[in-house]
PDB file of N, CA and C in Angstrom:
ATOM      1  N   MET A   1      -5.844  21.070  -4.222  1.00  0.00           N
ATOM      2  CA  MET A   1      -5.328  20.516  -2.984  1.00  0.00           C
ATOM      3  C   MET A   1      -6.523  21.421  -2.240  1.00  0.00           C
ATOM      4  N   TYR A   2      -7.700  20.691  -1.522  1.00  0.00           N
ATOM      5  CA  TYR A   2      -8.397  21.413  -0.803  1.00  0.00           C
ATOM      6  C   TYR A   2      -8.703  21.107   0.482  1.00  0.00           C
ATOM      7  N   GLU A   3      -8.787  22.077   1.247  1.00  0.00           N
ATOM      8  CA  GLU A   3      -8.598  22.039   3.159  1.00  0.00           C
ATOM      9  C   GLU A   3      -9.869  22.034   3.837  1.00  0.00           C
ATOM     10  N   GLY A   4      -9.619  21.660   4.851  1.00  0.00           N
ATOM     11  CA  GLY A   4     -11.094  21.786   6.147  1.00  0.00           C
ATOM     12  C   GLY A   4     -11.296  20.020   6.100  1.00  0.00           C
ATOM     13  N   TYR A   5     -10.882  19.174   5.477  1.00  0.00           N
ATOM     14  CA  TYR A   5     -11.687  17.943   5.830  1.00  0.00           C
ATOM     15  C   TYR A   5     -10.584  17.172   7.255  1.00  0.00           C
ATOM     16  N   THR A   6     -12.175  16.776   7.625  1.00  0.00           N
ATOM     17  CA  THR A   6     -11.447  15.724   8.861  1.00  0.00           C
ATOM     18  C   THR A   6     -11.625  14.580   8.768  1.00  0.00           C
ATOM     19  N   CYS A   7     -10.802  13.475   8.999  1.00  0.00           N
ATOM     20  CA  CYS A   7     -11.240  12.019   9.051  1.00  0.00           C
ATOM     21  C   CYS A   7     -12.284  11.561   9.607  1.00  0.00           C
ATOM     22  N   PRO A   8     -13.020  10.890   9.144  1.00  0.00           N
ATOM     23  CA  PRO A   8     -14.134  10.573  10.106  1.00  0.00           C
ATOM     24  C   PRO A   8     -13.733   9.361  11.183  1.00  0.00           C
ATOM     25  N   ILE A   9     -12.981   8.679  10.815  1.00  0.00           N
ATOM     26  CA  ILE A   9     -12.481   7.319  11.610  1.00  0.00           C
ATOM     27  C   ILE A   9     -11.234   7.917  12.846  1.00  0.00           C
ATOM     28  N   CYS A  10     -10.101   8.417  12.538  1.00  0.00           N
ATOM     29  CA  CYS A  10      -9.204   8.652  13.358  1.00  0.00           C
ATOM     30  C   CYS A  10      -9.485  10.122  13.792  1.00  0.00           C
ATOM     31  N   GLY A  11      -9.741  11.087  12.961  1.00  0.00           N
ATOM     32  CA  GLY A  11     -10.578  12.709  13.925  1.00  0.00           C
ATOM     33  C   GLY A  11      -9.484  13.336  12.934  1.00  0.00           C
ATOM     34  N   TYR A  12      -7.858  12.808  12.580  1.00  0.00           N
ATOM     35  CA  TYR A  12      -6.902  13.988  11.765  1.00  0.00           C
ATOM     36  C   TYR A  12      -7.572  14.822  11.230  1.00  0.00           C
ATOM     37  N   ASP A  13      -7.154  16.128  11.158  1.00  0.00           N
ATOM     38  CA  ASP A  13      -7.283  17.454  11.091  1.00  0.00           C
ATOM     39  C   ASP A  13      -7.093  17.912   9.401  1.00  0.00           C
ATOM     40  N   ASP A  14      -5.865  16.922   8.807  1.00  0.00           N
ATOM     41  CA  ASP A  14      -4.928  17.418   7.663  1.00  0.00           C
ATOM     42  C   ASP A  14      -5.354  16.144   6.764  1.00  0.00           C
ATOM     43  N   VAL A  15      -6.492  15.780   6.016  1.00  0.00           N
ATOM     44  CA  VAL A  15      -6.814  15.206   5.184  1.00  0.00           C
ATOM     45  C   VAL A  15      -6.502  15.256   4.078  1.00  0.00           C
ATOM     46  N   ASP A  16      -5.289  14.539   3.089  1.00  0.00           N
ATOM     47  CA  ASP A  16      -4.979  14.562   1.860  1.00  0.00           C
ATOM     48  C   ASP A  16      -6.329  14.674   1.211  1.00  0.00           C
ATOM     49  N   SER A  17      -6.440  15.475   0.060  1.00  0.00           N
ATOM     50  CA  SER A  17      -7.868  15.949  -0.854  1.00  0.00           C
ATOM     51  C   SER A  17      -7.473  17.002  -2.016  1.00  0.00           C
ATOM     52  N   VAL A  18      -8.289  15.968  -2.862  1.00  0.00           N
ATOM     53  CA  VAL A  18      -8.279  16.320  -4.412  1.00  0.00           C
ATOM     54  C   VAL A  18      -9.393  16.455  -5.253  1.00  0.00           C
ATOM     55  N   ALA A  19     -10.020  17.348  -5.932  1.00  0.00           N
ATOM     56  CA  ALA A  19     -11.338  17.459  -6.110  1.00  0.00           C
ATOM     57  C   ALA A  19     -11.037  18.094  -7.654  1.00  0.00           C
ATOM     58  N   TYR A  20     -11.878  17.300  -9.178  1.00  0.00           N
ATOM     59  CA  TYR A  20     -11.619  18.103 -10.272  1.00  0.00           C
ATOM     60  C   TYR A  20     -13.047  18.336 -10.365  1.00  0.00           C
ATOM     61  N   ARG A  21     -13.478  19.564 -10.973  1.00  0.00           N
ATOM     62  CA  ARG A  21     -14.728  20.388 -11.307  1.00  0.00           C
ATOM     63  C   ARG A  21     -15.037  20.980 -12.260  1.00  0.00           C
ATOM     64  N   ASP A  22     -16.496  20.570 -13.236  1.00  0.00           N
ATOM     65  CA  ASP A  22     -16.813  20.805 -14.178  1.00  0.00           C
ATOM     66  C   ASP A  22     -17.744  22.028 -14.299  1.00  0.00           C
ATOM     67  N   GLU A  23     -18.257  22.386 -14.640  1.00  0.00           N
ATOM     68  CA  GLU A  23     -19.413  23.612 -15.076  1.00  0.00           C
ATOM     69  C   GLU A  23     -20.874  23.440 -14.062  1.00  0.00           C
ATOM     70  N   ARG A  24     -21.511  22.107 -14.011  1.00  0.00           N
ATOM     71  CA  ARG A  24     -21.962  21.289 -12.521  1.00  0.00           C
ATOM     72  C   ARG A  24     -21.332  21.269 -11.687  1.00  0.00           C
ATOM     73  N   GLY A  25     -20.074  21.173 -11.131  1.00  0.00           N
ATOM     74  CA  GLY A  25     -19.814  21.065  -9.767  1.00  0.00           C
ATOM     75  C   GLY A  25     -18.770  19.802  -9.986  1.00  0.00           C
ATOM     76  N   ILE A  26     -18.684  19.340  -8.439  1.00  0.00           N
ATOM     77  CA  ILE A  26     -17.399  18.656  -8.211  1.00  0.00           C
ATOM     78  C   ILE A  26     -18.121  17.108  -8.873  1.00  0.00           C
ATOM     79  N   VAL A  27     -16.796  16.560  -9.872  1.00  0.00           N
ATOM     80  CA  VAL A  27     -17.458  15.158 -10.720  1.00  0.00           C
ATOM     81  C   VAL A  27     -16.424  14.219 -10.260  1.00  0.00           C
ATOM     82  N   GLU A  28     -14.775  14.631  -9.442  1.00  0.00           N
ATOM     83  CA  GLU A  28     -14.507  13.789  -8.824  1.00  0.00           C
ATOM     84  C   GLU A  28     -13.778  14.367  -7.678  1.00  0.00           C
ATOM     85  N   GLU A  29     -13.854  13.298  -6.588  1.00  0.00           N
ATOM     86  CA  GLU A  29     -13.364  13.974  -5.464  1.00  0.00           C
ATOM     87  C   GLU A  29     -12.256  12.601  -4.643  1.00  0.00           C
ATOM     88  N   TYR A  30     -10.888  13.212  -4.270  1.00  0.00           N
ATOM     89  CA  TYR A  30     -10.590  11.417  -3.743  1.00  0.00           C
ATOM     90  C   TYR A  30      -9.831  12.296  -2.260  1.00  0.00           C
ATOM     91  N   LEU A  31     -10.504  12.056  -0.999  1.00  0.00           N
ATOM     92  CA  LEU A  31      -9.474  11.688   0.163  1.00  0.00           C
ATOM     93  C   LEU A  31      -8.839  10.671   0.935  1.00  0.00           C
ATOM     94  N   ARG A  32      -7.957  10.859   1.222  1.00  0.00           N
ATOM     95  CA  ARG A  32      -6.786   9.991   2.042  1.00  0.00           C
ATOM     96  C   ARG A  32      -6.053  10.438   3.450  1.00  0.00           C
ATOM     97  N   CYS A  33      -6.369   9.969   3.915  1.00  0.00           N
ATOM     98  CA  CYS A  33      -6.124  10.444   5.577  1.00  0.00           C
ATOM     99  C   CYS A  33      -4.781   9.362   5.495  1.00  0.00           C
ATOM    100  N   SER A  34      -3.320   9.993   6.195  1.00  0.00           N
ATOM    101  CA  SER A  34      -1.822   9.461   6.233  1.00  0.00           C
ATOM    102  C   SER A  34      -2.065   8.945   7.472  1.00  0.00           C
ATOM    103  N   GLN A  35      -2.671   9.073   8.387  1.00  0.00           N
ATOM    104  CA  GLN A  35      -2.793   8.445   9.629  1.00  0.00           C
ATOM    105  C   GLN A  35      -3.449   6.896   9.902  1.00  0.00           C
ATOM    106  N   CYS A  36      -4.684   7.042   9.569  1.00  0.00           N
ATOM    107  CA  CYS A  36      -5.440   5.756   9.407  1.00  0.00           C
ATOM    108  C   CYS A  36      -5.514   5.053   7.912  1.00  0.00           C
ATOM    109  N   ASN A  37      -5.304   5.502   6.994  1.00  0.00           N
ATOM    110  CA  ASN A  37      -5.759   5.176   5.829  1.00  0.00           C
ATOM    111  C   ASN A  37      -6.638   5.293   5.122  1.00  0.00           C
ATOM    112  N   TYR A  38      -7.597   5.750   6.158  1.00  0.00           N
ATOM    113  CA  TYR A  38      -8.781   6.055   5.272  1.00  0.00           C
ATOM    114  C   TYR A  38      -8.860   6.521   3.983  1.00  0.00           C
ATOM    115  N   TYR A  39      -9.767   5.879   2.932  1.00  0.00           N
ATOM    116  CA  TYR A  39      -9.681   6.767   1.582  1.00  0.00           C
ATOM    117  C   TYR A  39     -11.202   6.874   0.873  1.00  0.00           C
ATOM    118  N   TYR A  40     -11.520   8.105   0.151  1.00  0.00           N
ATOM    119  CA  TYR A  40     -12.763   7.878   0.178  1.00  0.00           C
ATOM    120  C   TYR A  40     -12.456   8.246  -1.493  1.00  0.00           C
ATOM    121  N   GLU A  41     -13.629   8.290  -2.361  1.00  0.00           N
ATOM    122  CA  GLU A  41     -13.477   8.219  -3.632  1.00  0.00           C
ATOM    123  C   GLU A  41     -14.466   8.449  -3.899  1.00  0.00           C
ATOM    124  N   TYR A  42     -15.140   9.744  -5.007  1.00  0.00           N
ATOM    125  CA  TYR A  42     -15.913   9.798  -5.406  1.00  0.00           C
ATOM    126  C   TYR A  42     -15.848  10.281  -7.110  1.00  0.00           C
ATOM    127  N   ALA A  43     -16.365   9.552  -8.169  1.00  0.00           N
ATOM    128  CA  ALA A  43     -15.984   9.514  -9.500  1.00  0.00           C
ATOM    129  C   ALA A  43     -17.187   9.958 -10.056  1.00  0.00           C
ATOM    130  N   TYR A  44     -17.835  10.684 -10.528  1.00  0.00           N
ATOM    131  CA  TYR A  44     -19.226  10.750 -11.774  1.00  0.00           C
ATOM    132  C   TYR A  44     -20.406   9.365 -11.258  1.00  0.00           C
ATOM    133  N   GLY A  45     -20.726   9.746 -10.223  1.00  0.00           N
ATOM    134  CA  GLY A  45     -21.727   9.725  -9.356  1.00  0.00           C
ATOM    135  C   GLY A  45     -21.238   7.633  -8.515  1.00  0.00           C
ATOM    136  N   HIS A  46     -20.295   7.247  -8.411  1.00  0.00           N
ATOM    137  CA  HIS A  46     -19.823   6.189  -8.041  1.00  0.00           C
ATOM    138  C   HIS A  46     -18.941   6.467  -6.786  1.00  0.00           C
ATOM    139  N   TYR A  47     -18.950   6.257  -5.537  1.00  0.00           N
ATOM    140  CA  TYR A  47     -18.609   6.010  -4.526  1.00  0.00           C
ATOM    141  C   TYR A  47     -17.630   4.942  -3.843  1.00  0.00           C
ATOM    142  N   VAL A  48     -16.842   5.379  -3.269  1.00  0.00           N
ATOM    143  CA  VAL A  48     -16.025   3.898  -2.877  1.00  0.00           C
ATOM    144  C   VAL A  48     -15.478   4.720  -1.539  1.00  0.00           C
ATOM    145  N   GLU A  49     -15.375   3.374  -0.217  1.00  0.00           N
ATOM    146  CA  GLU A  49     -14.609   3.932   1.301  1.00  0.00           C
ATOM    147  C   GLU A  49     -13.628   2.677   1.406  1.00  0.00           C
ATOM    148  N   TYR A  50     -12.779   3.128   1.581  1.00  0.00           N
ATOM    149  CA  TYR A  50     -11.755   2.164   2.791  1.00  0.00           C
ATOM    150  C   TYR A  50     -10.879   2.408   3.900  1.00  0.00           C
ATOM    151  N   PHE A  51     -11.432   1.621   4.923  1.00  0.00           N
ATOM    152  CA  PHE A  51     -11.313   1.605   6.127  1.00  0.00           C
ATOM    153  C   PHE A  51     -10.771   0.283   6.749  1.00  0.00           C
ATOM    154  N   ALA A  52      -9.896   0.628   7.661  1.00  0.00           N
ATOM    155  CA  ALA A  52      -9.896  -0.803   8.635  1.00  0.00           C
ATOM    156  C   ALA A  52     -10.153  -1.811   8.070  1.00  0.00           C
ATOM    157  N   GLY A  53      -9.529  -2.186   6.664  1.00  0.00           N
ATOM    158  CA  GLY A  53      -9.780  -3.578   5.949  1.00  0.00           C
ATOM    159  C   GLY A  53     -11.335  -3.809   5.186  1.00  0.00           C
ATOM    160  N   HIS A  54     -12.205  -2.881   5.683  1.00  0.00           N
ATOM    161  CA  HIS A  54     -13.081  -2.942   4.861  1.00  0.00           C
ATOM    162  C   HIS A  54     -13.354  -1.770   3.503  1.00  0.00           C
ATOM    163  N   GLU A  55     -14.355  -2.281   2.816  1.00  0.00           N
ATOM    164  CA  GLU A  55     -14.635  -1.605   1.479  1.00  0.00           C
ATOM    165  C   GLU A  55     -16.009  -1.908   1.226  1.00  0.00           C
ATOM    166  N   PHE A  56     -16.037  -0.362   0.767  1.00  0.00           N
ATOM    167  CA  PHE A  56     -18.148  -0.086   0.807  1.00  0.00           C
ATOM    168  C   PHE A  56     -17.753   0.816  -0.651  1.00  0.00           C
ATOM    169  N   ALA A  57     -18.322   0.195  -1.584  1.00  0.00           N
ATOM    170  CA  ALA A  57     -18.892   1.020  -2.732  1.00  0.00           C
ATOM    171  C   ALA A  57     -20.674   0.857  -2.860  1.00  0.00           C
ATOM    172  N   TRP A  58     -20.787   1.954  -3.658  1.00  0.00           N
ATOM    173  CA  TRP A  58     -22.116   2.386  -4.330  1.00  0.00           C
ATOM    174  C   TRP A  58     -22.180   3.376  -5.470  1.00  0.00           C
ATOM    175  N   SER A  59     -23.320   3.177  -5.598  1.00  0.00           N
ATOM    176  CA  SER A  59     -23.219   4.356  -6.622  1.00  0.00           C
ATOM    177  C   SER A  59     -25.244   5.383  -6.719  1.00  0.00           C
ATOM    178  N   TYR A  60     -25.277   6.192  -7.363  1.00  0.00           N
ATOM    179  CA  TYR A  60     -26.681   6.723  -7.622  1.00  0.00           C
ATOM    180  C   TYR A  60     -27.693   5.719  -7.857  1.00  0.00           C
ATOM    181  N   MET A  61     -27.510   4.839  -8.010  1.00  0.00           N
ATOM    182  CA  MET A  61     -28.480   3.758  -8.302  1.00  0.00           C
ATOM    183  C   MET A  61     -29.094   2.878  -7.693  1.00  0.00           C
ATOM    184  N   THR A  62     -27.787   2.826  -6.083  1.00  0.00           N
ATOM    185  CA  THR A  62     -28.008   2.069  -5.171  1.00  0.00           C
ATOM    186  C   THR A  62     -29.362   2.440  -4.528  1.00  0.00           C
ATOM    187  N   LYS A  63     -30.230   1.625  -4.220  1.00  0.00           N
ATOM    188  CA  LYS A  63     -31.557   2.231  -3.807  1.00  0.00           C
ATOM    189  C   LYS A  63     -32.287   1.446  -3.176  1.00  0.00           C
ATOM    190  N   GLY A  64     -33.122   1.649  -2.008  1.00  0.00           N
ATOM    191  CA  GLY A  64     -34.320   0.515  -1.689  1.00  0.00           C
ATOM    192  C   GLY A  64     -33.551   0.143  -0.374  1.00  0.00           C
ATOM    193  N   ASN A  65     -33.404  -1.592  -0.404  1.00  0.00           N
ATOM    194  CA  ASN A  65     -33.230  -2.390   0.820  1.00  0.00           C
ATOM    195  C   ASN A  65     -31.827  -2.460   0.401  1.00  0.00           C
ATOM    196  N   GLU A  66     -30.829  -2.701  -0.387  1.00  0.00           N
ATOM    197  CA  GLU A  66     -29.471  -2.629  -0.790  1.00  0.00           C
ATOM    198  C   GLU A  66     -29.368  -1.577  -0.111  1.00  0.00           C
ATOM    199  N   TRP A  67     -29.737  -0.033  -0.060  1.00  0.00           N
ATOM    200  CA  TRP A  67     -29.200   1.050   0.303  1.00  0.00           C
ATOM    201  C   TRP A  67     -29.053   1.376   1.927  1.00  0.00           C
ATOM    202  N   VAL A  68     -30.071   0.758   2.281  1.00  0.00           N
ATOM    203  CA  VAL A  68     -29.908   0.937   3.685  1.00  0.00           C
ATOM    204  C   VAL A  68     -29.489   0.049   4.299  1.00  0.00           C
ATOM    205  N   ASN A  69     -28.903  -1.674   3.847  1.00  0.00           N
ATOM    206  CA  ASN A  69     -28.380  -2.455   3.911  1.00  0.00           C
ATOM    207  C   ASN A  69     -26.964  -2.147   4.270  1.00  0.00           C
ATOM    208  N   LEU A  70     -26.521  -1.081   3.483  1.00  0.00           N
ATOM    209  CA  LEU A  70     -25.069  -0.946   2.893  1.00  0.00           C
ATOM    210  C   LEU A  70     -24.753  -0.116   4.055  1.00  0.00           C
ATOM    211  N   MET A  71     -25.371   0.854   3.935  1.00  0.00           N
ATOM    212  CA  MET A  71     -25.249   2.036   5.145  1.00  0.00           C
ATOM    213  C   MET A  71     -25.164   1.707   6.294  1.00  0.00           C
ATOM    214  N   ARG A  72     -26.022   0.818   6.658  1.00  0.00           N
ATOM    215  CA  ARG A  72     -26.099  -0.064   7.991  1.00  0.00           C
ATOM    216  C   ARG A  72     -24.950  -0.780   8.134  1.00  0.00           C
ATOM    217  N   LYS A  73     -24.225  -1.655   7.179  1.00  0.00           N
ATOM    218  CA  LYS A  73     -23.398  -2.118   7.323  1.00  0.00           C
ATOM    219  C   LYS A  73     -21.805  -1.076   7.604  1.00  0.00           C
ATOM    220  N   MET A  74     -22.181  -0.062   7.100  1.00  0.00           N
ATOM    221  CA  MET A  74     -21.018   0.795   6.631  1.00  0.00           C
ATOM    222  C   MET A  74     -21.090   1.702   8.141  1.00  0.00           C
ATOM    223  N   LYS A  75     -21.844   2.453   8.390  1.00  0.00           N
ATOM    224  CA  LYS A  75     -22.054   2.805   9.692  1.00  0.00           C
ATOM    225  C   LYS A  75     -21.600   1.882  10.849  1.00  0.00           C
ATOM    226  N   ARG A  76     -21.667   0.891  11.076  1.00  0.00           N
ATOM    227  CA  ARG A  76     -21.494  -0.007  11.542  1.00  0.00           C
ATOM    228  C   ARG A  76     -20.015   0.017  11.950  1.00  0.00           C
ATOM    229  N   ALA A  77     -19.432  -0.218  10.777  1.00  0.00           N
ATOM    230  CA  ALA A  77     -17.686  -0.746  10.706  1.00  0.00           C
ATOM    231  C   ALA A  77     -16.829   0.462  10.955  1.00  0.00           C
ATOM    232  N   GLN A  78     -17.505   1.514  10.512  1.00  0.00           N
ATOM    233  CA  GLN A  78     -16.705   3.007  10.994  1.00  0.00           C
ATOM    234  C   GLN A  78     -16.975   3.327  12.322  1.00  0.00           C
ATOM    235  N   PHE A  79     -18.175   3.005  13.216  1.00  0.00           N
ATOM    236  CA  PHE A  79     -18.092   3.171  14.615  1.00  0.00           C
ATOM    237  C   PHE A  79     -17.102   2.128  15.314  1.00  0.00           C
ATOM    238  N   MET A  80     -16.843   0.785  14.714  1.00  0.00           N
ATOM    239  CA  MET A  80     -15.825   0.158  15.594  1.00  0.00           C
ATOM    240  C   MET A  80     -14.434   0.401  14.945  1.00  0.00           C
ATOM    241  N   ALA A  81     -14.016   0.969  13.723  1.00  0.00           N
ATOM    242  CA  ALA A  81     -12.878   1.257  13.502  1.00  0.00           C
ATOM    243  C   ALA A  81     -12.427   2.827  14.055  1.00  0.00           C
ATOM    244  N   ARG A  82     -13.446   3.445  14.882  1.00  0.00           N
ATOM    245  CA  ARG A  82     -13.226   4.822  15.472  1.00  0.00           C
ATOM    246  C   ARG A  82     -12.883   4.579  16.790  1.00  0.00           C
ATOM    247  N   ARG A  83     -13.830   3.299  16.957  1.00  0.00           N
ATOM    248  CA  ARG A  83     -13.383   2.794  18.633  1.00  0.00           C
ATOM    249  C   ARG A  83     -12.148   2.399  18.703  1.00  0.00           C
ATOM    250  N   ASN A  84     -11.896   0.980  17.603  1.00  0.00           N
ATOM    251  CA  ASN A  84     -10.369   0.546  17.703  1.00  0.00           C
ATOM    252  C   ASN A  84      -9.455   1.539  17.849  1.00  0.00           C
ATOM    253  N   TRP A  85      -9.518   2.337  16.756  1.00  0.00           N
ATOM    254  CA  TRP A  85      -8.501   3.333  16.633  1.00  0.00           C
ATOM    255  C   TRP A  85      -8.332   4.071  18.053  1.00  0.00           C
ATOM    256  N   ARG A  86      -9.473   4.719  18.929  1.00  0.00           N
ATOM    257  CA  ARG A  86      -9.558   5.508  20.319  1.00  0.00           C
ATOM    258  C   ARG A  86      -8.570   4.047  21.130  1.00  0.00           C
ATOM    259  N   LYS A  87      -9.063   3.037  21.456  1.00  0.00           N
ATOM    260  CA  LYS A  87      -8.462   1.654  21.967  1.00  0.00           C
ATOM    261  C   LYS A  87      -7.040   1.872  21.630  1.00  0.00           C
ATOM    262  N   GLY A  88      -6.133   1.950  20.406  1.00  0.00           N
ATOM    263  CA  GLY A  88      -5.383   1.589  20.097  1.00  0.00           C
ATOM    264  C   GLY A  88      -4.599   0.765  19.414  1.00  0.00           C
ATOM    265  N   LEU A  89      -6.045  -0.005  19.282  1.00  0.00           N
ATOM    266  CA  LEU A  89      -6.292  -1.470  18.365  1.00  0.00           C
ATOM    267  C   LEU A  89      -5.967  -1.021  16.667  1.00  0.00           C
ATOM    268  N   ARG A  90      -4.505  -0.888  16.431  1.00  0.00           N
ATOM    269  CA  ARG A  90      -4.530  -0.565  15.144  1.00  0.00           C
ATOM    270  C   ARG A  90      -3.935  -1.368  13.914  1.00  0.00           C
ATOM    271  N   ASP A  91      -3.882  -2.546  14.176  1.00  0.00           N
ATOM    272  CA  ASP A  91      -3.409  -3.828  13.441  1.00  0.00           C
ATOM    273  C   ASP A  91      -4.306  -3.409  11.736  1.00  0.00           C
ATOM    274  N   LYS A  92      -5.365  -3.232  12.017  1.00  0.00           N
ATOM    275  CA  LYS A  92      -6.176  -3.258  10.725  1.00  0.00           C
ATOM    276  C   LYS A  92      -6.013  -2.196   9.686  1.00  0.00           C
ATOM    277  N   PHE A  93      -5.510  -0.901  10.813  1.00  0.00           N
ATOM    278  CA  PHE A  93      -5.087   0.267   9.764  1.00  0.00           C
ATOM    279  C   PHE A  93      -3.766   0.166   9.724  1.00  0.00           C
ATOM    280  N   LYS A  94      -3.075  -0.939   9.293  1.00  0.00           N
ATOM    281  CA  LYS A  94      -1.607  -0.829   8.790  1.00  0.00           C
ATOM    282  C   LYS A  94      -1.816  -1.069   7.194  1.00  0.00           C
ATOM    283  N   VAL A  95      -2.621  -1.686   6.744  1.00  0.00           N
ATOM    284  CA  VAL A  95      -3.096  -2.230   5.359  1.00  0.00           C
ATOM    285  C   VAL A  95      -3.608  -0.822   4.596  1.00  0.00           C
ATOM    286  N   ALA A  96      -2.146  -0.617   4.026  1.00  0.00           N
ATOM    287  CA  ALA A  96      -2.203   1.161   3.108  1.00  0.00           C
ATOM    288  C   ALA A  96      -3.120   0.513   1.920  1.00  0.00           C
ATOM    289  N   TYR A  97      -3.146   1.353   0.822  1.00  0.00           N
ATOM    290  CA  TYR A  97      -3.974   1.869   0.277  1.00  0.00           C
ATOM    291  C   TYR A  97      -3.087   2.759  -0.823  1.00  0.00           C
ATOM    292  N   ASP A  98      -1.896   2.351  -0.805  1.00  0.00           N
ATOM    293  CA  ASP A  98      -0.697   3.302  -1.372  1.00  0.00           C
ATOM    294  C   ASP A  98      -1.361   2.884  -2.942  1.00  0.00           C
ATOM    295  N   ASP A  99      -1.733   1.570  -3.532  1.00  0.00           N
ATOM    296  CA  ASP A  99      -1.874   1.284  -4.906  1.00  0.00           C
ATOM    297  C   ASP A  99      -3.107   1.962  -6.030  1.00  0.00           C
ATOM    298  N   VAL A 100      -4.067   2.622  -4.678  1.00  0.00           N
ATOM    299  CA  VAL A 100      -4.980   3.541  -5.248  1.00  0.00           C
ATOM    300  C   VAL A 100      -4.334   4.875  -5.215  1.00  0.00           C
ATOM    301  N   GLU A 101      -4.463   5.103  -6.295  1.00  0.00           N
ATOM    302  CA  GLU A 101      -4.232   7.006  -6.809  1.00  0.00           C
ATOM    303  C   GLU A 101      -5.128   7.620  -7.310  1.00  0.00           C
ATOM    304  N   PRO A 102      -5.508   8.941  -6.390  1.00  0.00           N
ATOM    305  CA  PRO A 102      -6.256   9.853  -6.971  1.00  0.00           C
ATOM    306  C   PRO A 102      -5.558  10.663  -7.808  1.00  0.00           C
TER     307      PRO A 102
END
């Protein structure tokens, strides 16, 4: 477990994190927020983020317009999720991703 991660959605300071390393650096990393069910996964060049009913996935091979469109959609969804969390509109956050194990 590594410490120091803050949830990008709700701002919770104690996000559960697990990382696996080899001689080249981090090869797998998993983050999970117990407050808003934010989940981030990185494994061997593939990324997945779950939050507020959204799922975004990409890899190191995602480039060009596909990358730009994905990041635009993800940033917008993150903005709306943070806004809804602050407003107390938390119905979408009740969906837990407990079946995804780090």
